[in-house]
Amino acid sequence: MKSVNALAVRQSLGSILSDLEAGGEPVLVTRDRKPVAALVPIEIFRQRFVDFVAGDALRAAMEELMALQSASSGADSLETLRALREGSDDRR
């Protein structure tokens, strides 16, 4: 993994980003010889963070749907969807 100090990042960010984009290898940013941050390609960021957040939102929606479905036991799926829509209209 490539390592650069914070001063080099300030002085040549464009070049560092070009290398990151071309090589795809994360860049470790140091200050006083201690690691303080990492620059990662956008694909890695999306895989690790954006998709993770989207997964959390999906899990929350599924939990809400399951709670609504169990609360309306005996209701068919169309009734459950109507109740879910009414609930989302109330939150707007």
N, C-alpha and C. Protein backbone atom coordinates (compact mmCIF):
# COMPACT_ATOMS: atom_id res chain seq x y z
N MET A 1 0.86 -1.17 0.00
CA MET A 1 0.00 0.00 0.00
C MET A 1 0.90 1.23 0.00
N LYS A 2 0.56 2.17 -0.84
CA LYS A 2 1.32 3.40 -0.94
C LYS A 2 1.02 4.28 0.28
N SER A 3 2.03 4.99 0.76
CA SER A 3 1.87 5.87 1.90
C SER A 3 2.40 7.25 1.54
N VAL A 4 1.63 8.30 1.88
CA VAL A 4 2.05 9.67 1.62
C VAL A 4 1.77 10.50 2.87
N ASN A 5 2.57 11.54 3.07
CA ASN A 5 2.31 12.38 4.23
C ASN A 5 1.29 13.46 3.87
N ALA A 6 0.71 14.06 4.88
CA ALA A 6 -0.37 15.03 4.68
C ALA A 6 0.09 16.23 3.84
N LEU A 7 1.31 16.65 4.00
CA LEU A 7 1.83 17.78 3.23
C LEU A 7 1.84 17.43 1.74
N ALA A 8 2.27 16.22 1.40
CA ALA A 8 2.27 15.80 0.00
C ALA A 8 0.85 15.75 -0.56
N VAL A 9 -0.09 15.35 0.28
CA VAL A 9 -1.50 15.32 -0.17
C VAL A 9 -1.96 16.73 -0.52
N ARG A 10 -1.64 17.69 0.34
CA ARG A 10 -2.03 19.08 0.07
C ARG A 10 -1.37 19.62 -1.18
N GLN A 11 -0.11 19.26 -1.40
CA GLN A 11 0.64 19.82 -2.52
C GLN A 11 0.34 19.13 -3.84
N SER A 12 -0.07 17.88 -3.81
CA SER A 12 -0.26 17.17 -5.07
C SER A 12 -1.45 16.21 -5.04
N LEU A 13 -2.55 16.71 -4.56
CA LEU A 13 -3.75 15.87 -4.46
C LEU A 13 -4.18 15.33 -5.81
N GLY A 14 -4.14 16.16 -6.83
CA GLY A 14 -4.55 15.71 -8.17
C GLY A 14 -3.75 14.53 -8.66
N SER A 15 -2.45 14.59 -8.48
CA SER A 15 -1.58 13.49 -8.90
C SER A 15 -1.84 12.23 -8.08
N ILE A 16 -2.04 12.40 -6.79
CA ILE A 16 -2.32 11.24 -5.92
C ILE A 16 -3.64 10.60 -6.31
N LEU A 17 -4.65 11.41 -6.61
CA LEU A 17 -5.94 10.87 -7.03
C LEU A 17 -5.84 10.17 -8.38
N SER A 18 -5.04 10.70 -9.27
CA SER A 18 -4.84 10.04 -10.58
C SER A 18 -4.20 8.67 -10.39
N ASP A 19 -3.18 8.60 -9.53
CA ASP A 19 -2.53 7.32 -9.24
C ASP A 19 -3.52 6.34 -8.60
N LEU A 20 -4.33 6.85 -7.69
CA LEU A 20 -5.33 6.01 -7.02
C LEU A 20 -6.33 5.46 -8.03
N GLU A 21 -6.78 6.31 -8.92
CA GLU A 21 -7.75 5.89 -9.93
C GLU A 21 -7.14 4.89 -10.91
N ALA A 22 -5.91 5.12 -11.30
CA ALA A 22 -5.26 4.24 -12.27
C ALA A 22 -4.88 2.89 -11.65
N GLY A 23 -4.33 2.93 -10.44
CA GLY A 23 -3.84 1.70 -9.83
C GLY A 23 -4.85 0.96 -8.99
N GLY A 24 -5.81 1.68 -8.43
CA GLY A 24 -6.82 1.06 -7.59
C GLY A 24 -6.34 0.64 -6.22
N GLU A 25 -5.11 1.02 -5.88
CA GLU A 25 -4.55 0.63 -4.58
C GLU A 25 -4.79 1.75 -3.57
N PRO A 26 -5.30 1.43 -2.39
CA PRO A 26 -5.52 2.46 -1.38
C PRO A 26 -4.23 3.21 -1.04
N VAL A 27 -4.39 4.45 -0.60
CA VAL A 27 -3.26 5.29 -0.22
C VAL A 27 -3.41 5.64 1.26
N LEU A 28 -2.39 5.37 2.02
CA LEU A 28 -2.37 5.67 3.44
C LEU A 28 -1.82 7.08 3.63
N VAL A 29 -2.56 7.93 4.34
CA VAL A 29 -2.13 9.30 4.60
C VAL A 29 -1.58 9.35 6.02
N THR A 30 -0.38 9.89 6.14
CA THR A 30 0.26 9.96 7.45
C THR A 30 0.53 11.40 7.86
N ARG A 31 0.60 11.59 9.16
CA ARG A 31 1.02 12.87 9.73
C ARG A 31 1.96 12.53 10.87
N ASP A 32 3.12 13.15 10.87
CA ASP A 32 4.15 12.83 11.87
C ASP A 32 4.44 11.33 11.90
N ARG A 33 4.47 10.74 10.71
CA ARG A 33 4.77 9.31 10.51
C ARG A 33 3.74 8.37 11.12
N LYS A 34 2.58 8.89 11.46
CA LYS A 34 1.50 8.05 12.01
C LYS A 34 0.33 8.04 11.02
N PRO A 35 -0.24 6.89 10.74
CA PRO A 35 -1.39 6.82 9.83
C PRO A 35 -2.59 7.58 10.42
N VAL A 36 -3.20 8.44 9.62
CA VAL A 36 -4.37 9.19 10.09
C VAL A 36 -5.59 9.01 9.19
N ALA A 37 -5.39 8.57 7.96
CA ALA A 37 -6.51 8.40 7.04
C ALA A 37 -6.09 7.49 5.89
N ALA A 38 -7.07 7.10 5.10
CA ALA A 38 -6.80 6.31 3.91
C ALA A 38 -7.67 6.81 2.77
N LEU A 39 -7.08 6.89 1.61
CA LEU A 39 -7.84 7.20 0.40
C LEU A 39 -8.06 5.88 -0.31
N VAL A 40 -9.31 5.61 -0.67
CA VAL A 40 -9.63 4.35 -1.33
C VAL A 40 -10.36 4.63 -2.63
N PRO A 41 -10.23 3.73 -3.61
CA PRO A 41 -10.99 3.89 -4.85
C PRO A 41 -12.49 3.89 -4.56
N ILE A 42 -13.24 4.59 -5.37
CA ILE A 42 -14.69 4.73 -5.13
C ILE A 42 -15.40 3.38 -5.13
N GLU A 43 -14.91 2.42 -5.90
CA GLU A 43 -15.56 1.10 -5.92
C GLU A 43 -15.48 0.43 -4.55
N ILE A 44 -14.33 0.55 -3.93
CA ILE A 44 -14.17 -0.04 -2.59
C ILE A 44 -15.06 0.70 -1.59
N PHE A 45 -15.10 2.03 -1.70
CA PHE A 45 -15.96 2.81 -0.80
C PHE A 45 -17.41 2.38 -0.95
N ARG A 46 -17.88 2.25 -2.18
CA ARG A 46 -19.28 1.85 -2.41
C ARG A 46 -19.55 0.47 -1.84
N GLN A 47 -18.64 -0.47 -2.07
CA GLN A 47 -18.84 -1.83 -1.58
C GLN A 47 -18.89 -1.87 -0.06
N ARG A 48 -18.03 -1.12 0.57
CA ARG A 48 -17.90 -1.21 2.03
C ARG A 48 -18.84 -0.31 2.80
N PHE A 49 -19.19 0.85 2.24
CA PHE A 49 -19.94 1.83 3.02
C PHE A 49 -21.30 2.15 2.44
N VAL A 50 -21.38 2.51 1.18
CA VAL A 50 -22.67 2.89 0.61
C VAL A 50 -23.61 1.71 0.58
N ASP A 51 -23.15 0.55 0.10
CA ASP A 51 -24.00 -0.63 0.07
C ASP A 51 -24.37 -1.09 1.47
N PHE A 52 -23.47 -0.86 2.42
CA PHE A 52 -23.74 -1.21 3.81
C PHE A 52 -24.89 -0.37 4.35
N VAL A 53 -24.88 0.93 4.06
CA VAL A 53 -25.95 1.82 4.51
C VAL A 53 -27.26 1.45 3.82
N ALA A 54 -27.20 1.14 2.53
CA ALA A 54 -28.41 0.73 1.81
C ALA A 54 -28.95 -0.57 2.40
N GLY A 55 -28.06 -1.46 2.78
CA GLY A 55 -28.48 -2.72 3.40
C GLY A 55 -29.19 -2.48 4.72
N ASP A 56 -28.70 -1.50 5.50
CA ASP A 56 -29.37 -1.15 6.75
C ASP A 56 -30.78 -0.65 6.49
N ALA A 57 -30.94 0.19 5.47
CA ALA A 57 -32.27 0.72 5.14
C ALA A 57 -33.20 -0.41 4.69
N LEU A 58 -32.66 -1.35 3.92
CA LEU A 58 -33.47 -2.48 3.47
C LEU A 58 -33.89 -3.34 4.65
N ARG A 59 -32.97 -3.60 5.57
CA ARG A 59 -33.31 -4.40 6.75
C ARG A 59 -34.38 -3.71 7.59
N ALA A 60 -34.28 -2.39 7.75
CA ALA A 60 -35.27 -1.66 8.52
C ALA A 60 -36.64 -1.73 7.85
N ALA A 61 -36.68 -1.61 6.54
CA ALA A 61 -37.95 -1.71 5.81
C ALA A 61 -38.54 -3.11 5.95
N MET A 62 -37.71 -4.12 5.89
CA MET A 62 -38.20 -5.49 6.03
C MET A 62 -38.74 -5.74 7.44
N GLU A 63 -38.05 -5.20 8.45
CA GLU A 63 -38.54 -5.34 9.82
C GLU A 63 -39.89 -4.66 9.99
N GLU A 64 -40.04 -3.49 9.38
CA GLU A 64 -41.32 -2.77 9.46
C GLU A 64 -42.42 -3.58 8.78
N LEU A 65 -42.11 -4.15 7.63
CA LEU A 65 -43.09 -4.95 6.90
C LEU A 65 -43.47 -6.19 7.70
N MET A 66 -42.50 -6.84 8.29
CA MET A 66 -42.79 -8.04 9.08
C MET A 66 -43.63 -7.69 10.32
N ALA A 67 -43.33 -6.56 10.96
CA ALA A 67 -44.11 -6.15 12.13
C ALA A 67 -45.54 -5.85 11.72
N LEU A 68 -45.70 -5.17 10.59
CA LEU A 68 -47.04 -4.84 10.11
C LEU A 68 -47.80 -6.11 9.74
N GLN A 69 -47.10 -7.03 9.11
CA GLN A 69 -47.75 -8.28 8.71
C GLN A 69 -48.18 -9.08 9.94
N SER A 70 -47.36 -9.14 10.97
CA SER A 70 -47.75 -9.90 12.16
C SER A 70 -48.85 -9.18 12.93
N ALA A 71 -48.86 -7.84 12.88
CA ALA A 71 -49.91 -7.08 13.56
C ALA A 71 -51.26 -7.27 12.88
N SER A 72 -51.23 -7.51 11.59
CA SER A 72 -52.49 -7.70 10.86
C SER A 72 -52.65 -9.17 10.50
N SER A 73 -52.46 -10.03 11.49
CA SER A 73 -52.55 -11.46 11.24
C SER A 73 -53.91 -11.80 10.64
N GLY A 74 -53.86 -12.65 9.65
CA GLY A 74 -55.08 -13.04 8.96
C GLY A 74 -55.37 -12.16 7.75
N ALA A 75 -54.71 -11.01 7.64
CA ALA A 75 -54.93 -10.14 6.49
C ALA A 75 -54.17 -10.68 5.29
N ASP A 76 -54.74 -10.48 4.11
CA ASP A 76 -54.00 -10.92 2.93
C ASP A 76 -52.94 -9.88 2.57
N SER A 77 -52.11 -10.20 1.61
CA SER A 77 -50.97 -9.33 1.28
C SER A 77 -51.42 -7.99 0.73
N LEU A 78 -52.54 -7.94 0.03
CA LEU A 78 -53.04 -6.67 -0.50
C LEU A 78 -53.44 -5.74 0.64
N GLU A 79 -54.09 -6.25 1.65
CA GLU A 79 -54.45 -5.45 2.82
C GLU A 79 -53.20 -4.96 3.55
N THR A 80 -52.19 -5.82 3.64
CA THR A 80 -50.94 -5.44 4.29
C THR A 80 -50.27 -4.30 3.53
N LEU A 81 -50.24 -4.39 2.20
CA LEU A 81 -49.65 -3.31 1.39
C LEU A 81 -50.41 -2.01 1.55
N ARG A 82 -51.74 -2.08 1.59
CA ARG A 82 -52.54 -0.86 1.79
C ARG A 82 -52.21 -0.22 3.14
N ALA A 83 -52.11 -1.03 4.16
CA ALA A 83 -51.78 -0.51 5.49
C ALA A 83 -50.39 0.11 5.50
N LEU A 84 -49.46 -0.52 4.82
CA LEU A 84 -48.10 0.01 4.74
C LEU A 84 -48.08 1.35 4.02
N ARG A 85 -48.83 1.46 2.92
CA ARG A 85 -48.90 2.74 2.19
C ARG A 85 -49.52 3.82 3.05
N GLU A 86 -50.57 3.49 3.77
CA GLU A 86 -51.21 4.48 4.64
C GLU A 86 -50.25 4.96 5.71
N GLY A 87 -49.46 4.05 6.24
CA GLY A 87 -48.47 4.40 7.24
C GLY A 87 -47.39 5.32 6.68
N SER A 88 -46.96 5.09 5.43
CA SER A 88 -45.92 5.94 4.85
C SER A 88 -46.49 7.30 4.48
N ASP A 89 -47.77 7.38 4.14
CA ASP A 89 -48.40 8.67 3.86
C ASP A 89 -48.46 9.53 5.12
N ASP A 90 -48.67 8.88 6.27
CA ASP A 90 -48.76 9.61 7.54
C ASP A 90 -47.42 10.23 7.92
N ARG A 91 -46.31 9.63 7.47
CA ARG A 91 -44.97 10.12 7.86
C ARG A 91 -44.49 11.28 7.01
N ARG A 92 -45.17 11.59 5.93
CA ARG A 92 -44.72 12.67 5.04
C ARG A 92 -45.03 14.02 5.58
